Amino acid sequence: MKRTTQGRYVTISTVGERVRAFIPAPLPPDPPIKWTPELRSKFDQALVVMGRLDGISETLPDTLLFLYSYVRKEALLSSMIEGTRSSLSDLMLYELDVQPGAPLNDVQEVSHYVAALQYGLKRLADGFPLCLRLIKEIHRILLAKGRGSRQTPGEFRTSQNWIGGTRPGNAVFVPPPAEYVQECMGQLELFLHDHPEPTPALLKAALAHVQFETIHPFLDGNGRMGRLLITLILCEQGILKKPLLYLSLYFKTHRRRYYDLLNEVRFSGDWEAWLDFFADAVISTAEQAEMTARRIIELAEEDRGKIKGLGRAAPNVLRVHRRMLERPITTAGRLSKEIGITPTTIYRCLADLERLGIVREVTGRKRNRVFSYTRYLEIMNEGTELPG
């Protein structure tokens, strides 16, 4: 069963050039996916490891403690693919209204990714369907400030764009003309709602991601929005109870292969190679997330054991420690407000945590000092190292 180009080309004139733009065929693929035993086995394995990841989220002392940093790690990685130079510490400092070490636009971009993801997940939890309206609302938050904020956030494009190259004529790929975007996205929305036929959730996420990136419906932010879409689909469909699976690190690590496979789908209809890669991404990422969660649990238990040896001071220090599990970079003033303990007591607790080697003051100042839960951040920072 040979599959050919999954769509059609139209010749357009744009920026003074005549080029061929690609209009994808609606999902699901036609002819259908060829499920070899190997591909079926990989998808089954992906579902198993996702189930384990969902299971460990139930064993975390408080899943929200882990989610705060994990969501921000994903935001950082997804934005790094687009060229930002920020770190997890920069983002957390920015959220504390402390000057980050990275360019402000970069940190704002990552911060808005966090806000967009949280907004989308809340809307879904409140029963709102994953639809074009919600996609636009999320995109509006994603591009609220920084780069892209002037590229009509929350609105489908009304002009031609292209991927790669310096102009349409030497682009790697030219998405559909603007007048086809609404129709293509409408067809994608139908697919998300199981029309013309039901599609299993993991397969739906894999297919929809490629289709979204192929349509490239916005002037900016398509890559980040397309990666967000994967998590939103898996959470809406109930495959994930908590948003703990993010593929940006895998896509970043295998960036060239990722882009090549997207083009293989467009040009030759090779969905199977993409699905094989996607299943590998899910398996690797879910196993890594599960391992990270276990290491965080072990670290928290180990540090709680040290703190309990402090005697009478232990109860207050444990409260500060718990709060730093949620926000591993913070200030004494913020801790005082959040926990309801006097600043003097907070500083004594932080001094105890410093003596135990659990936290470290990172500014060297006498005022407005910032404290970091160092080993926790080291675990969360893995994979986010900036290139030299």
Protein backbone atom coordinates (compact mmCIF):
# COMPACT_ATOMS: atom_id res chain seq x y z
CA MET A 1 0.00 0.00 0.00
CA LYS A 2 1.89 3.05 -1.23
CA ARG A 3 1.03 6.42 0.17
CA THR A 4 1.86 9.63 -1.67
CA THR A 5 1.91 13.31 -0.76
CA GLN A 6 -0.61 14.00 2.02
CA GLY A 7 -2.11 17.06 0.42
CA ARG A 8 -1.83 19.25 -2.63
CA TYR A 9 0.19 22.20 -3.86
CA VAL A 10 -1.00 25.55 -5.10
CA THR A 11 1.18 28.13 -6.81
CA ILE A 12 1.08 31.55 -5.21
CA SER A 13 2.77 34.92 -5.63
CA THR A 14 4.21 36.32 -2.41
CA VAL A 15 7.01 38.76 -1.60
CA GLY A 16 7.57 39.16 -5.35
CA GLU A 17 8.11 35.43 -5.95
CA ARG A 18 6.05 32.58 -7.32
CA VAL A 19 6.25 29.55 -5.01
CA ARG A 20 4.34 26.37 -4.31
CA ALA A 21 2.44 26.31 -1.02
CA PHE A 22 1.25 23.04 0.52
CA ILE A 23 -2.33 22.40 1.65
CA PRO A 24 -2.53 19.24 3.82
CA ALA A 25 -5.28 16.69 3.36
CA PRO A 26 -7.64 16.33 6.35
CA LEU A 27 -6.89 13.78 9.06
CA PRO A 28 -6.96 10.85 9.54
CA PRO A 29 -4.41 9.72 6.92
CA ASP A 30 -5.68 8.05 3.75
CA PRO A 31 -4.81 5.26 3.23
CA PRO A 32 -4.82 4.40 6.94
CA ILE A 33 -1.71 3.94 9.08
CA LYS A 34 0.05 0.62 8.42
CA TRP A 35 0.43 -0.85 11.90
CA THR A 36 3.39 -3.21 11.81
CA PRO A 37 3.88 -5.42 14.89
CA GLU A 38 6.92 -3.28 15.83
CA LEU A 39 5.01 0.01 15.61
CA ARG A 40 2.03 -1.41 17.51
CA SER A 41 4.37 -2.71 20.21
CA LYS A 42 6.02 0.70 20.59
CA PHE A 43 2.69 2.46 21.01
CA ASP A 44 1.63 -0.15 23.57
CA GLN A 45 4.90 0.40 25.45
CA ALA A 46 4.39 4.17 25.32
CA LEU A 47 0.98 3.77 26.94
CA VAL A 48 2.46 1.54 29.67
CA VAL A 49 5.20 4.01 30.63
CA MET A 50 2.71 6.89 30.57
CA GLY A 51 0.56 4.88 32.96
CA ARG A 52 3.53 4.43 35.28
CA LEU A 53 4.24 8.15 35.15
CA ASP A 54 0.63 8.93 35.98
CA GLY A 55 0.87 6.43 38.84
CA ILE A 56 3.92 8.01 40.41
CA SER A 57 2.21 11.39 40.27
CA GLU A 58 -0.27 9.92 42.73
CA THR A 59 2.55 8.93 45.12
CA LEU A 60 4.20 12.36 45.22
CA PRO A 61 3.65 13.99 48.64
CA ASP A 62 2.08 16.89 46.79
CA THR A 63 2.05 16.73 42.99
CA LEU A 64 1.85 20.52 42.81
CA LEU A 65 5.28 20.77 44.43
CA PHE A 66 6.77 18.88 41.49
CA LEU A 67 4.56 20.46 38.84
CA TYR A 68 5.66 24.03 39.57
CA SER A 69 9.23 23.37 38.48
CA TYR A 70 8.45 20.71 35.87
CA VAL A 71 6.04 22.92 33.94
CA ARG A 72 8.64 25.69 33.98
CA LYS A 73 11.30 23.30 32.71
CA GLU A 74 9.09 22.44 29.75
CA ALA A 75 8.40 26.12 29.08
CA LEU A 76 12.12 26.77 29.11
CA LEU A 77 12.96 23.90 26.75
CA SER A 78 10.16 24.67 24.31
CA SER A 79 11.26 28.31 24.15
CA MET A 80 14.93 27.33 23.77
CA ILE A 81 14.02 25.50 20.56
CA GLU A 82 12.90 28.90 19.25
CA GLY A 83 16.20 30.52 20.23
CA THR A 84 15.73 31.99 23.72
CA ARG A 85 18.67 32.04 26.11
CA SER A 86 17.16 31.77 29.56
CA SER A 87 17.54 29.36 32.47
CA LEU A 88 15.21 27.88 35.05
CA SER A 89 16.79 30.14 37.67
CA ASP A 90 16.27 33.20 35.43
CA LEU A 91 12.58 32.40 35.13
CA MET A 92 12.12 31.89 38.86
CA LEU A 93 14.00 35.12 39.63
CA TYR A 94 11.77 36.97 37.15
CA GLU A 95 8.70 35.60 38.94
CA LEU A 96 10.12 36.99 42.18
CA ASP A 97 10.54 40.43 40.55
CA VAL A 98 14.30 39.97 40.83
CA GLN A 99 16.41 40.96 37.80
CA PRO A 100 17.26 37.77 35.86
CA GLY A 101 20.63 37.16 34.26
CA ALA A 102 19.12 36.56 30.79
CA PRO A 103 17.59 39.11 28.38
CA LEU A 104 14.19 40.21 29.71
CA ASN A 105 12.40 39.35 26.45
CA ASP A 106 13.65 35.77 26.66
CA VAL A 107 12.47 35.32 30.24
CA GLN A 108 9.10 36.94 29.49
CA GLU A 109 8.63 34.55 26.59
CA VAL A 110 9.18 31.55 28.85
CA SER A 111 6.92 33.03 31.55
CA HIS A 112 4.08 33.46 29.05
CA TYR A 113 4.47 29.84 27.96
CA VAL A 114 3.83 28.81 31.57
CA ALA A 115 0.77 31.10 31.75
CA ALA A 116 -0.58 29.80 28.42
CA LEU A 117 -0.24 26.16 29.45
CA GLN A 118 -1.85 26.73 32.84
CA TYR A 119 -4.69 28.68 31.24
CA GLY A 120 -5.37 25.93 28.71
CA LEU A 121 -5.32 23.18 31.33
CA LYS A 122 -7.70 25.10 33.59
CA ARG A 123 -10.15 25.69 30.73
CA LEU A 124 -10.10 21.98 29.91
CA ALA A 125 -10.55 21.05 33.59
CA ASP A 126 -13.57 23.37 33.69
CA GLY A 127 -15.13 21.40 30.84
CA PHE A 128 -14.31 23.67 27.88
CA PRO A 129 -13.54 21.65 24.75
CA LEU A 130 -10.22 21.71 22.93
CA CYS A 131 -11.33 23.80 19.96
CA LEU A 132 -10.14 26.62 17.71
CA ARG A 133 -11.44 29.24 20.12
CA LEU A 134 -9.37 27.81 22.97
CA ILE A 135 -6.30 27.45 20.75
CA LYS A 136 -6.58 31.15 19.87
CA GLU A 137 -7.06 32.12 23.52
CA ILE A 138 -3.96 30.16 24.54
CA HIS A 139 -1.96 31.69 21.70
CA ARG A 140 -2.98 35.18 22.78
CA ILE A 141 -1.45 34.54 26.22
CA LEU A 142 1.61 32.84 24.73
CA LEU A 143 2.51 35.94 22.71
CA ALA A 144 1.26 38.57 25.15
CA LYS A 145 4.70 40.21 25.51
CA GLY A 146 8.18 39.97 24.06
CA ARG A 147 8.99 38.64 20.60
CA GLY A 148 5.88 37.93 18.58
CA SER A 149 3.66 40.27 20.59
CA ARG A 150 3.10 42.37 17.45
CA GLN A 151 2.30 39.34 15.29
CA THR A 152 -1.48 39.38 15.90
CA PRO A 153 -1.57 37.11 18.97
CA GLY A 154 -4.73 34.99 19.13
CA GLU A 155 -5.59 35.46 15.45
CA PHE A 156 -4.96 33.19 12.50
CA ARG A 157 -2.62 34.75 9.99
CA THR A 158 -3.89 36.76 7.04
CA SER A 159 -0.58 36.73 5.17
CA GLN A 160 1.81 34.08 3.88
CA ASN A 161 4.56 32.63 6.05
CA TRP A 162 7.30 30.08 5.41
CA ILE A 163 9.60 27.76 7.32
CA GLY A 164 13.38 27.89 6.93
CA GLY A 165 15.26 30.00 4.43
CA THR A 166 15.40 33.76 4.11
CA ARG A 167 12.43 34.13 1.76
CA PRO A 168 9.65 31.96 0.30
CA GLY A 169 11.76 31.08 -2.73
CA ASN A 170 14.45 29.28 -0.71
CA ALA A 171 12.22 28.10 2.15
CA VAL A 172 12.32 24.51 3.37
CA PHE A 173 8.53 24.48 3.45
CA VAL A 174 5.73 26.88 2.53
CA PRO A 175 2.48 26.32 4.51
CA PRO A 176 -1.03 26.86 3.10
CA PRO A 177 -1.95 30.33 1.80
CA ALA A 178 -3.74 32.48 4.38
CA GLU A 179 -7.15 32.01 2.72
CA TYR A 180 -6.95 28.25 3.40
CA VAL A 181 -5.95 28.46 7.06
CA GLN A 182 -9.47 28.66 8.54
CA GLU A 183 -10.64 25.68 6.47
CA CYS A 184 -7.58 23.59 7.37
CA MET A 185 -7.90 24.41 11.07
CA GLY A 186 -11.62 23.68 10.95
CA GLN A 187 -10.82 20.22 9.61
CA LEU A 188 -8.24 19.73 12.37
CA GLU A 189 -10.85 20.72 14.97
CA LEU A 190 -13.24 18.08 13.59
CA PHE A 191 -10.47 15.47 13.88
CA LEU A 192 -9.84 16.49 17.52
CA HIS A 193 -13.55 15.90 18.15
CA ASP A 194 -13.42 12.40 16.57
CA HIS A 195 -14.86 13.27 13.17
CA PRO A 196 -15.03 11.50 10.80
CA GLU A 197 -14.06 8.65 13.16
CA PRO A 198 -12.76 8.14 16.71
CA THR A 199 -8.97 8.15 17.10
CA PRO A 200 -7.07 6.81 20.14
CA ALA A 201 -5.66 9.66 22.25
CA LEU A 202 -1.94 9.04 21.82
CA LEU A 203 -2.30 8.60 18.06
CA LYS A 204 -4.50 11.70 17.93
CA ALA A 205 -1.80 13.77 19.67
CA ALA A 206 0.88 12.49 17.28
CA LEU A 207 -1.12 13.18 14.12
CA ALA A 208 -2.54 16.53 15.28
CA HIS A 209 0.91 17.88 16.14
CA VAL A 210 2.18 17.32 12.60
CA GLN A 211 -1.00 18.73 11.07
CA PHE A 212 -0.83 21.87 13.19
CA GLU A 213 2.84 22.46 12.33
CA THR A 214 2.06 21.91 8.65
CA ILE A 215 -0.79 24.43 8.65
CA HIS A 216 1.34 26.90 10.67
CA PRO A 217 -1.80 28.96 11.35
CA PHE A 218 -0.19 31.86 13.24
CA LEU A 219 2.44 34.39 12.22
CA ASP A 220 4.58 33.44 15.25
CA GLY A 221 4.57 30.92 18.08
CA ASN A 222 3.52 27.91 15.98
CA GLY A 223 6.28 25.65 17.30
CA ARG A 224 5.49 26.35 20.95
CA MET A 225 1.75 26.12 20.34
CA GLY A 226 2.14 22.82 18.50
CA ARG A 227 4.10 21.33 21.39
CA LEU A 228 1.52 22.61 23.87
CA LEU A 229 -1.16 20.91 21.80
CA ILE A 230 0.31 17.47 22.56
CA THR A 231 -0.02 17.94 26.32
CA LEU A 232 -3.48 19.50 26.04
CA ILE A 233 -4.78 16.56 23.98
CA LEU A 234 -3.38 13.95 26.37
CA CYS A 235 -4.85 15.73 29.39
CA GLU A 236 -8.24 16.37 27.77
CA GLN A 237 -8.48 12.73 26.70
CA GLY A 238 -7.68 11.53 30.23
CA ILE A 239 -4.44 9.76 29.29
CA LEU A 240 -2.64 12.02 31.76
CA LYS A 241 -4.23 13.08 35.05
CA LYS A 242 -1.44 15.62 35.61
CA PRO A 243 0.51 17.43 32.86
CA LEU A 244 3.78 15.59 33.44
CA LEU A 245 4.68 14.56 29.87
CA TYR A 246 6.51 17.11 27.74
CA LEU A 247 8.40 16.17 24.59
CA SER A 248 10.39 19.38 24.05
CA LEU A 249 13.65 17.98 25.46
CA TYR A 250 13.45 14.98 23.11
CA PHE A 251 12.57 17.18 20.13
CA LYS A 252 15.42 19.55 21.08
CA THR A 253 17.93 16.69 21.38
CA HIS A 254 16.83 15.14 18.07
CA ARG A 255 15.98 18.39 16.33
CA ARG A 256 17.25 17.52 12.84
CA ARG A 257 15.48 14.14 12.81
CA TYR A 258 12.30 15.79 14.09
CA TYR A 259 12.19 18.35 11.27
CA ASP A 260 13.13 15.77 8.64
CA LEU A 261 10.26 13.51 9.70
CA LEU A 262 7.72 16.35 9.58
CA ASN A 263 8.80 16.98 5.99
CA GLU A 264 8.70 13.26 5.15
CA VAL A 265 5.03 13.20 6.17
CA ARG A 266 4.29 16.25 4.00
CA PHE A 267 6.23 15.17 0.95
CA SER A 268 5.82 11.39 0.89
CA GLY A 269 3.10 10.59 3.41
CA ASP A 270 5.42 8.59 5.68
CA TRP A 271 3.33 8.78 8.82
CA GLU A 272 4.72 5.49 10.10
CA ALA A 273 8.30 6.81 10.48
CA TRP A 274 6.95 9.84 12.36
CA LEU A 275 4.82 7.66 14.64
CA ASP A 276 7.82 5.45 15.40
CA PHE A 277 9.81 8.56 16.40
CA PHE A 278 6.88 9.96 18.40
CA ALA A 279 6.48 6.71 20.34
CA ASP A 280 10.23 6.74 21.12
CA ALA A 281 9.87 10.33 22.32
CA VAL A 282 7.00 9.43 24.64
CA ILE A 283 8.77 6.35 26.05
CA SER A 284 12.05 8.19 26.66
CA THR A 285 10.38 11.30 28.10
CA ALA A 286 7.96 9.42 30.37
CA GLU A 287 10.74 7.23 31.75
CA GLN A 288 12.91 10.29 32.36
CA ALA A 289 10.04 12.16 34.07
CA GLU A 290 9.32 9.14 36.27
CA MET A 291 12.99 8.93 37.25
CA THR A 292 13.08 12.67 38.00
CA ALA A 293 9.99 12.41 40.18
CA ARG A 294 11.51 9.50 42.12
CA ARG A 295 14.75 11.43 42.64
CA ILE A 296 12.79 14.44 43.92
CA ILE A 297 10.89 12.20 46.35
CA GLU A 298 14.16 10.66 47.59
CA LEU A 299 15.81 14.08 47.95
CA ALA A 300 12.84 15.46 49.89
CA GLU A 301 12.85 12.46 52.25
CA GLU A 302 16.61 12.66 52.77
CA ASP A 303 16.47 16.37 53.56
CA ARG A 304 13.47 15.97 55.86
CA GLY A 305 15.50 13.40 57.78
CA LYS A 306 18.31 15.93 58.28
CA ILE A 307 15.85 18.62 59.38
CA LYS A 308 14.17 16.37 61.96
CA GLY A 309 17.52 16.16 63.73
CA LEU A 310 17.29 19.89 64.57
CA GLY A 311 15.05 19.25 67.55
CA ARG A 312 12.69 22.05 68.61
CA ALA A 313 13.47 24.14 65.52
CA ALA A 314 12.47 21.32 63.16
CA PRO A 315 8.71 22.06 62.73
CA ASN A 316 9.23 25.58 61.36
CA VAL A 317 12.23 24.52 59.25
CA LEU A 318 10.15 21.69 57.77
CA ARG A 319 7.49 24.25 56.77
CA VAL A 320 10.11 26.37 55.00
CA HIS A 321 11.57 23.25 53.34
CA ARG A 322 8.16 22.19 52.08
CA ARG A 323 7.59 25.62 50.57
CA MET A 324 10.97 25.51 48.85
CA LEU A 325 10.03 22.18 47.27
CA GLU A 326 7.34 24.14 45.47
CA ARG A 327 9.42 27.26 44.76
CA PRO A 328 13.10 26.28 44.88
CA ILE A 329 14.24 29.90 44.46
CA THR A 330 12.66 32.37 46.85
CA THR A 331 13.21 35.19 49.35
CA ALA A 332 12.76 35.40 53.11
CA GLY A 333 10.08 38.06 52.66
CA ARG A 334 8.06 35.86 50.35
CA LEU A 335 8.39 32.85 52.64
CA SER A 336 7.24 34.96 55.60
CA LYS A 337 4.08 36.04 53.77
CA GLU A 338 3.28 32.59 52.39
CA ILE A 339 3.85 30.61 55.58
CA GLY A 340 2.75 33.20 58.13
CA ILE A 341 5.98 33.14 60.19
CA THR A 342 7.88 36.28 61.23
CA PRO A 343 10.87 37.30 59.08
CA THR A 344 13.20 36.74 62.05
CA THR A 345 12.05 33.12 62.38
CA ILE A 346 12.28 32.61 58.61
CA TYR A 347 15.90 33.79 58.59
CA ARG A 348 16.72 31.39 61.46
CA CYS A 349 15.12 28.55 59.48
CA LEU A 350 17.07 29.48 56.35
CA ALA A 351 20.29 29.65 58.37
CA ASP A 352 19.60 26.11 59.62
CA LEU A 353 18.95 24.93 56.05
CA GLU A 354 22.20 26.55 54.90
CA ARG A 355 24.15 24.81 57.68
CA LEU A 356 22.64 21.49 56.61
CA GLY A 357 23.73 22.15 53.02
CA ILE A 358 20.14 22.12 51.72
CA VAL A 359 19.78 25.74 50.58
CA ARG A 360 22.25 28.40 49.49
CA GLU A 361 22.04 32.19 49.37
CA VAL A 362 22.80 33.18 45.76
CA THR A 363 23.13 36.99 45.73
CA GLY A 364 25.86 37.64 48.31
CA ARG A 365 23.90 40.72 49.42
CA LYS A 366 22.83 41.69 52.92
CA ARG A 367 19.40 42.88 51.77
CA ASN A 368 16.84 41.34 49.42
CA ARG A 369 18.69 38.05 49.56
CA VAL A 370 17.59 35.12 47.40
CA PHE A 371 17.81 31.49 48.52
CA SER A 372 18.11 28.45 46.27
CA TYR A 373 17.30 24.80 46.95
CA THR A 374 20.45 23.73 45.13
CA ARG A 375 20.20 19.95 44.74
CA TYR A 376 16.53 20.17 43.74
CA LEU A 377 17.41 22.68 41.02
CA GLU A 378 20.34 20.54 39.83
CA ILE A 379 17.92 17.66 39.20
CA MET A 380 15.39 19.87 37.42
CA ASN A 381 18.07 21.63 35.34
CA GLU A 382 19.27 18.45 33.63
CA GLY A 383 18.80 18.86 29.87
CA THR A 384 18.35 22.63 30.01
CA GLU A 385 22.03 23.55 29.77
CA LEU A 386 22.58 26.51 27.46
CA PRO A 387 24.98 26.01 24.55
CA GLY A 388 28.29 27.75 24.97
